[in-house]
Amino acid sequence: MKQSDGFDPRRLRPREPGNWRKRFITALAALCAAAGVLLAMAGAATLIGHPSALGSLNGSPAGSAVLLVVGLLLLWTGIALWRMGRRRSRRGNDLSMSRHLMKKRK
């Protein structure tokens, strides 16, 4: 099939402007995952014998285990929200064309 030089498939269905809510949720999910990593690391550090990083909050082994579990749950929630946001932003209303057809021909 011969393509003309003036054909641009992206013009067939123009993209809508970016949605700030999706970006906000994705950023919030990334912050949630980062906080989960930090909490899990603090809990794990106390469990393996290093001094407590958060004072009396994780001074006991039971408190540090709770901190570790909460950190891991926060990390899992952040990753799940981030993946959901990325999936929704990638879905879009674009044409169902393969990626190599969208490239410009020389």
Protein backbone atom coordinates (compact mmCIF):
# COMPACT_ATOMS: atom_id res chain seq x y z
CA MET A 1 0.00 0.00 0.00
CA LYS A 2 1.43 3.33 -1.04
CA GLN A 3 1.27 6.15 1.48
CA SER A 4 1.19 9.77 0.49
CA ASP A 5 3.63 12.17 2.09
CA GLY A 6 0.90 14.34 3.58
CA PHE A 7 -0.81 11.57 5.54
CA ASP A 8 -0.66 11.91 9.33
CA PRO A 9 -2.77 9.35 11.23
CA ARG A 10 -2.59 11.44 14.41
CA ARG A 11 -4.81 14.04 12.75
CA LEU A 12 -7.66 11.57 12.35
CA ARG A 13 -8.50 11.65 16.04
CA PRO A 14 -6.84 14.52 17.88
CA ARG A 15 -5.77 13.98 21.46
CA GLU A 16 -7.65 15.65 24.26
CA PRO A 17 -5.78 17.92 26.64
CA GLY A 18 -4.20 16.17 29.62
CA ASN A 19 -6.33 15.51 32.63
CA TRP A 20 -4.84 17.00 35.80
CA ARG A 21 -6.78 14.61 38.06
CA LYS A 22 -5.07 11.58 36.56
CA ARG A 23 -1.68 13.20 37.04
CA PHE A 24 -2.53 14.15 40.62
CA ILE A 25 -3.63 10.60 41.47
CA THR A 26 -0.48 9.19 39.87
CA ALA A 27 1.71 11.59 41.87
CA LEU A 28 -0.19 10.77 45.06
CA ALA A 29 0.29 7.07 44.39
CA ALA A 30 4.03 7.58 43.90
CA LEU A 31 4.24 9.46 47.20
CA CYS A 32 2.26 6.70 48.90
CA ALA A 33 4.64 4.06 47.55
CA ALA A 34 7.68 6.08 48.65
CA ALA A 35 6.27 6.48 52.17
CA GLY A 36 5.55 2.75 52.25
CA VAL A 37 9.15 1.96 51.34
CA LEU A 38 10.46 4.25 54.07
CA LEU A 39 8.15 2.84 56.74
CA ALA A 40 8.94 -0.74 55.74
CA MET A 41 12.66 -0.02 55.86
CA ALA A 42 12.38 1.55 59.32
CA GLY A 43 10.41 -1.43 60.62
CA ALA A 44 12.79 -3.94 59.09
CA ALA A 45 15.83 -2.10 60.43
CA THR A 46 14.50 -2.34 63.98
CA LEU A 47 13.62 -6.02 63.57
CA ILE A 48 17.14 -6.95 62.46
CA GLY A 49 18.73 -5.16 65.41
CA HIS A 50 19.60 -1.66 64.30
CA PRO A 51 18.57 1.25 66.54
CA SER A 52 15.05 2.53 66.16
CA ALA A 53 14.69 5.23 63.55
CA LEU A 54 11.34 6.57 64.72
CA GLY A 55 11.92 6.74 68.48
CA SER A 56 9.35 5.04 70.64
CA LEU A 57 7.05 4.30 67.71
CA ASN A 58 9.02 1.22 66.74
CA GLY A 59 10.98 0.62 69.94
CA SER A 60 9.53 -2.83 70.55
CA PRO A 61 9.62 -5.78 68.16
CA ALA A 62 5.81 -5.83 68.00
CA GLY A 63 5.67 -2.14 67.10
CA SER A 64 8.33 -2.51 64.45
CA ALA A 65 6.52 -5.54 62.97
CA VAL A 66 3.33 -3.48 62.75
CA LEU A 67 5.33 -0.68 61.13
CA LEU A 68 6.78 -3.12 58.63
CA VAL A 69 3.34 -4.51 57.72
CA VAL A 70 1.80 -1.02 57.41
CA GLY A 71 4.72 0.06 55.22
CA LEU A 72 4.32 -2.95 52.94
CA LEU A 73 0.56 -2.37 52.65
CA LEU A 74 1.16 1.29 51.84
CA LEU A 75 3.73 0.30 49.24
CA TRP A 76 1.35 -2.23 47.66
CA THR A 77 -1.50 0.32 47.61
CA GLY A 78 0.72 2.97 46.02
CA ILE A 79 1.93 0.61 43.31
CA ALA A 80 -1.62 -0.56 42.57
CA LEU A 81 -2.89 3.03 42.29
CA TRP A 82 0.06 4.03 40.13
CA ARG A 83 -0.49 1.11 37.76
CA MET A 84 -4.21 1.88 37.55
CA GLY A 85 -3.48 5.51 36.71
CA ARG A 86 -0.91 4.58 34.08
CA ARG A 87 -3.29 2.06 32.53
CA ARG A 88 -6.05 4.64 32.29
CA SER A 89 -3.77 7.29 30.82
CA ARG A 90 -2.48 4.85 28.18
CA ARG A 91 -5.92 3.57 27.20
CA GLY A 92 -7.25 6.76 25.61
CA ASN A 93 -9.50 7.04 22.60
CA ASP A 94 -6.77 6.58 20.04
CA LEU A 95 -7.06 4.63 16.86
CA SER A 96 -6.24 0.97 17.03
CA MET A 97 -3.16 1.16 14.86
CA SER A 98 0.19 -0.38 15.49
CA ARG A 99 2.98 1.90 16.67
CA HIS A 100 5.14 1.58 13.55
CA LEU A 101 2.30 2.92 11.40
CA MET A 102 2.27 6.13 13.42
CA LYS A 103 5.89 6.93 12.56
CA LYS A 104 6.66 9.38 9.80
CA ARG A 105 8.00 7.90 6.59
CA LYS A 106 11.00 9.50 4.89
